[in-house]
Protein backbone atom coordinates (compact mmCIF):
# COMPACT_ATOMS: atom_id res chain seq x y z
CA UNK A 1 -4.01 22.47 7.37
CA UNK A 2 -6.43 21.96 4.48
CA UNK A 3 -10.16 22.08 5.13
CA UNK A 4 -12.38 19.09 4.23
CA UNK A 5 -13.57 20.99 1.14
CA UNK A 6 -9.99 21.67 0.07
CA UNK A 7 -9.03 18.02 0.58
CA UNK A 8 -12.03 16.92 -1.49
CA UNK A 9 -11.00 19.32 -4.26
CA UNK A 10 -7.43 18.02 -4.19
CA UNK A 11 -8.61 14.41 -4.42
CA UNK A 12 -10.94 15.23 -7.31
CA UNK A 13 -8.30 17.16 -9.26
CA UNK A 14 -5.67 14.49 -8.67
CA UNK A 15 -8.08 11.79 -9.80
CA UNK A 16 -8.95 13.72 -12.96
CA UNK A 17 -5.30 14.32 -13.86
CA UNK A 18 -4.29 10.74 -13.04
CA UNK A 19 -7.09 9.39 -15.20
CA UNK A 20 -6.03 11.56 -18.12
CA UNK A 21 -2.31 10.70 -18.04
CA UNK A 22 -1.33 7.68 -20.18
CA UNK A 23 0.17 4.65 -18.47
CA UNK A 24 3.95 4.89 -18.23
CA UNK A 25 4.07 8.58 -19.15
CA UNK A 26 5.16 11.15 -16.56
CA UNK A 27 2.30 12.38 -14.41
CA UNK A 28 1.24 15.94 -15.19
CA UNK A 29 -1.39 18.42 -14.08
CA UNK A 30 -1.71 21.38 -11.74
CA UNK A 31 -2.21 19.24 -8.64
CA UNK A 32 0.85 17.16 -9.46
CA UNK A 33 2.96 20.28 -9.95
CA UNK A 34 1.75 21.68 -6.63
CA UNK A 35 2.50 18.42 -4.83
CA UNK A 36 5.89 18.10 -6.53
CA UNK A 37 6.77 21.59 -5.29
CA UNK A 38 5.57 20.71 -1.79
CA UNK A 39 7.62 17.53 -1.91
CA UNK A 40 10.72 19.47 -2.92
CA UNK A 41 10.27 21.73 0.11
CA UNK A 42 9.62 18.74 2.36
CA UNK A 43 12.77 16.97 1.20
CA UNK A 44 14.80 20.13 1.76
CA UNK A 45 13.46 20.27 5.31
CA UNK A 46 14.34 16.62 5.89
CA UNK A 47 17.82 17.06 4.50
CA UNK A 48 18.57 19.61 7.21
CA UNK A 49 17.69 17.11 9.97
CA UNK A 50 20.56 14.90 11.14
CA UNK A 51 18.68 12.54 13.48
CA UNK A 52 17.06 9.54 11.79
CA UNK A 53 14.42 9.43 14.53
CA UNK A 54 13.64 13.10 14.00
CA UNK A 55 13.44 12.58 10.23
CA UNK A 56 10.87 9.82 10.75
CA UNK A 57 8.78 12.04 13.00
CA UNK A 58 8.95 14.88 10.46
CA UNK A 59 7.76 12.52 7.71
CA UNK A 60 4.85 11.57 9.96
CA UNK A 61 3.95 15.27 10.19
CA UNK A 62 4.44 15.92 6.47
CA UNK A 63 2.52 13.01 4.97
CA UNK A 64 -1.06 14.22 5.67
CA UNK A 65 -0.68 17.13 3.25
CA UNK A 66 -0.13 14.61 0.43
CA UNK A 67 -2.96 12.25 1.42
CA UNK A 68 -5.76 13.79 -0.70
CA UNK A 69 -3.50 13.71 -3.74
CA UNK A 70 -2.44 10.08 -3.29
CA UNK A 71 -6.04 9.03 -2.65
CA UNK A 72 -7.12 10.69 -5.89
CA UNK A 73 -4.38 8.98 -7.91
CA UNK A 74 -5.13 5.55 -6.43
CA UNK A 75 -8.83 6.00 -7.17
CA UNK A 76 -8.58 6.95 -10.85
CA UNK A 77 -4.96 6.58 -11.99
CA UNK A 78 -3.94 4.76 -15.15
CA UNK A 79 -0.36 4.12 -14.04
CA UNK A 80 1.50 7.27 -15.04
CA UNK A 81 4.97 7.55 -13.51
CA UNK A 82 4.50 9.61 -10.34
CA UNK A 83 7.45 10.47 -8.10
CA UNK A 84 5.22 12.16 -5.53
CA UNK A 85 3.14 9.03 -5.09
CA UNK A 86 6.19 6.78 -4.93
CA UNK A 87 7.96 8.97 -2.39
CA UNK A 88 4.85 8.91 -0.20
CA UNK A 89 4.89 5.11 -0.41
CA UNK A 90 8.45 5.02 0.92
CA UNK A 91 7.67 7.51 3.67
CA UNK A 92 4.70 5.45 4.85
CA UNK A 93 7.05 2.49 5.20
CA UNK A 94 9.60 4.67 6.98
CA UNK A 95 7.10 5.69 9.68
CA UNK A 96 5.87 2.12 10.16
CA UNK A 97 2.51 2.68 8.41
CA UNK A 98 2.94 -0.49 6.39
CA UNK A 99 -0.65 -0.91 5.26
CA UNK A 100 -0.81 2.57 3.71
CA UNK A 101 2.52 1.93 2.03
CA UNK A 102 1.29 -1.38 0.64
CA UNK A 103 -1.88 0.24 -0.69
CA UNK A 104 0.32 2.46 -2.87
CA UNK A 105 2.70 -0.43 -3.59
CA UNK A 106 -0.12 -2.56 -4.97
CA UNK A 107 -1.00 0.19 -7.45
CA UNK A 108 2.67 0.80 -8.29
CA UNK A 109 3.48 -2.86 -8.90
CA UNK A 110 0.33 -3.41 -10.93
CA UNK A 111 1.27 -0.55 -13.25
CA UNK A 112 5.04 -1.03 -13.25
CA UNK A 113 5.92 2.29 -11.60
CA UNK A 114 9.56 2.95 -10.81
CA UNK A 115 10.96 4.39 -7.61
CA UNK A 116 12.56 7.85 -7.89
CA UNK A 117 16.19 7.61 -8.96
CA UNK A 118 17.70 8.51 -5.58
CA UNK A 119 16.30 5.34 -3.98
CA UNK A 120 18.50 3.16 -6.23
CA UNK A 121 16.24 0.09 -5.86
CA UNK A 122 13.43 -1.29 -8.00
CA UNK A 123 9.95 -1.06 -6.58
CA UNK A 124 9.46 -4.72 -5.62
CA UNK A 125 12.84 -4.92 -3.87
CA UNK A 126 12.20 -1.71 -1.96
CA UNK A 127 8.75 -2.86 -0.86
CA UNK A 128 9.93 -6.30 0.29
CA UNK A 129 12.95 -4.96 2.17
CA UNK A 130 11.27 -2.01 3.86
CA UNK A 131 8.27 -4.03 5.00
CA UNK A 132 10.62 -6.70 6.37
CA UNK A 133 12.83 -4.15 8.13
CA UNK A 134 9.92 -2.35 9.76
CA UNK A 135 8.17 -5.59 10.72
CA UNK A 136 11.32 -6.86 12.42
CA UNK A 137 11.31 -3.69 14.53
CA UNK A 138 7.61 -3.97 15.38
CA UNK A 139 7.47 -7.65 16.36
CA UNK A 140 8.96 -7.06 19.80
CA UNK A 141 7.17 -3.77 20.49
CA UNK A 142 4.54 -3.98 23.22
CA UNK A 143 1.06 -3.46 21.83
CA UNK A 144 1.83 -4.60 18.28
CA UNK A 145 -1.08 -6.50 16.74
CA UNK A 146 0.92 -9.53 15.68
CA UNK A 147 -1.86 -11.19 13.69
CA UNK A 148 -2.34 -7.99 11.70
CA UNK A 149 1.41 -7.65 11.19
CA UNK A 150 1.60 -11.22 9.94
CA UNK A 151 -1.17 -10.45 7.45
CA UNK A 152 0.74 -7.39 6.29
CA UNK A 153 3.89 -9.45 5.75
CA UNK A 154 1.97 -12.01 3.72
CA UNK A 155 0.47 -9.22 1.63
CA UNK A 156 3.96 -7.87 0.90
CA UNK A 157 5.13 -11.39 0.02
CA UNK A 158 2.20 -11.95 -2.33
CA UNK A 159 2.74 -8.61 -4.07
CA UNK A 160 6.44 -9.26 -4.67
CA UNK A 161 6.50 -13.06 -5.05
CA UNK A 162 7.04 -13.07 -8.80
CA UNK A 163 9.59 -10.26 -8.89
CA UNK A 164 13.28 -10.73 -9.54
CA UNK A 165 15.28 -9.46 -6.57
CA UNK A 166 18.43 -10.24 -4.61
CA UNK A 167 18.13 -13.38 -2.50
CA UNK A 168 19.23 -11.43 0.59
CA UNK A 169 16.12 -9.24 0.39
CA UNK A 170 13.72 -12.15 0.03
CA UNK A 171 15.55 -13.91 2.86
CA UNK A 172 14.91 -10.93 5.10
CA UNK A 173 11.20 -11.06 4.29
CA UNK A 174 11.07 -14.78 5.15
CA UNK A 175 12.96 -14.03 8.37
CA UNK A 176 10.37 -11.44 9.37
CA UNK A 177 7.55 -13.84 8.51
CA UNK A 178 9.22 -16.57 10.53
CA UNK A 179 9.58 -14.37 13.59
CA UNK A 180 5.97 -13.22 13.25
CA UNK A 181 4.73 -16.82 13.06
CA UNK A 182 6.81 -17.65 16.12
CA UNK A 183 5.37 -14.66 17.99
CA UNK A 184 1.78 -15.84 17.36
CA UNK A 185 2.62 -19.37 18.56
CA UNK A 186 3.00 -21.25 15.28
CA UNK A 187 6.46 -22.86 15.50
CA UNK A 188 6.18 -25.05 12.40
CA UNK A 189 5.27 -22.14 10.13
CA UNK A 190 8.03 -20.14 11.79
CA UNK A 191 10.55 -22.91 11.16
CA UNK A 192 9.52 -23.28 7.52
CA UNK A 193 10.08 -19.58 6.86
CA UNK A 194 13.36 -19.39 8.75
CA UNK A 195 14.69 -22.42 6.89
CA UNK A 196 13.76 -20.77 3.61
CA UNK A 197 15.51 -17.58 4.73
CA UNK A 198 18.66 -19.57 5.53
CA UNK A 199 18.63 -21.26 2.12
CA UNK A 200 18.46 -17.87 0.43
CA UNK A 201 21.12 -16.27 2.63
CA UNK A 202 23.27 -18.27 5.03
CA UNK A 203 24.22 -15.06 6.85
CA UNK A 204 20.67 -13.95 7.57
CA UNK A 205 21.15 -14.69 11.28
CA UNK A 206 18.52 -17.34 12.00
CA UNK A 207 20.55 -20.51 12.70
CA UNK A 208 20.12 -20.41 16.49
CA UNK A 209 16.42 -19.65 16.12
CA UNK A 210 16.04 -22.65 13.82
CA UNK A 211 17.83 -24.92 16.30
CA UNK A 212 15.62 -23.69 19.13
CA UNK A 213 12.43 -24.21 17.15
CA UNK A 214 13.53 -27.70 16.12
CA UNK A 215 14.09 -28.61 19.78
CA UNK A 216 10.72 -27.18 20.77
CA UNK A 217 8.92 -29.12 18.05
CA UNK A 218 10.79 -32.31 18.90
CA UNK A 219 9.95 -31.97 22.59
CA UNK A 220 6.32 -31.20 21.79
CA UNK A 221 6.14 -34.29 19.59
CA UNK A 222 7.61 -36.42 22.35
CA UNK A 223 5.04 -35.15 24.82
CA UNK A 224 2.21 -35.92 22.42
CA UNK A 225 3.35 -39.55 22.20
CA UNK A 226 3.18 -40.04 25.99
């Protein structure tokens, strides 16, 4: 494990290289080459693991070695294409660290960075879908800070709102937002998002939830009139 001095050096070198690389050009520099080599080894390790759960845990163990580099790029980068940075973004989403993933995503979307070829999705689509998928898993987990999760979902929505993507992906994000609103006790906001999800994709799986919320709101309205 790197010492604090080594991590500081890595951040500084990454920031210097990121600041020197032109926007849109491939990222270069000694630190990038070192991290790219480390990433190659990490991906080879992951490829040998069959269990998805075990892969996620291994990514959790691997990510800290890339943290000083990503911090340096985010601090001083001009938007050079950086497959190390983008892979770390995806891995943060994979382990459920949505806020760290969105920190990188904000930089990536601002500068128009592409995902590495093997992900086969544009950046905005990947961000929206992975945040939605992970949020849907977390909503029912005991101990999840639902208000914080809702804020994370809205951040993902705001970052990707203007992007062109398949309706099914945006529907999934609205579904996650709807369930999060329902979990914090806001049925109207939940219903609005679930209805939007259904408009975008009639197979998104929210029809029964919509019916239940409509009954709850109707009953609540009837009680208020008594």
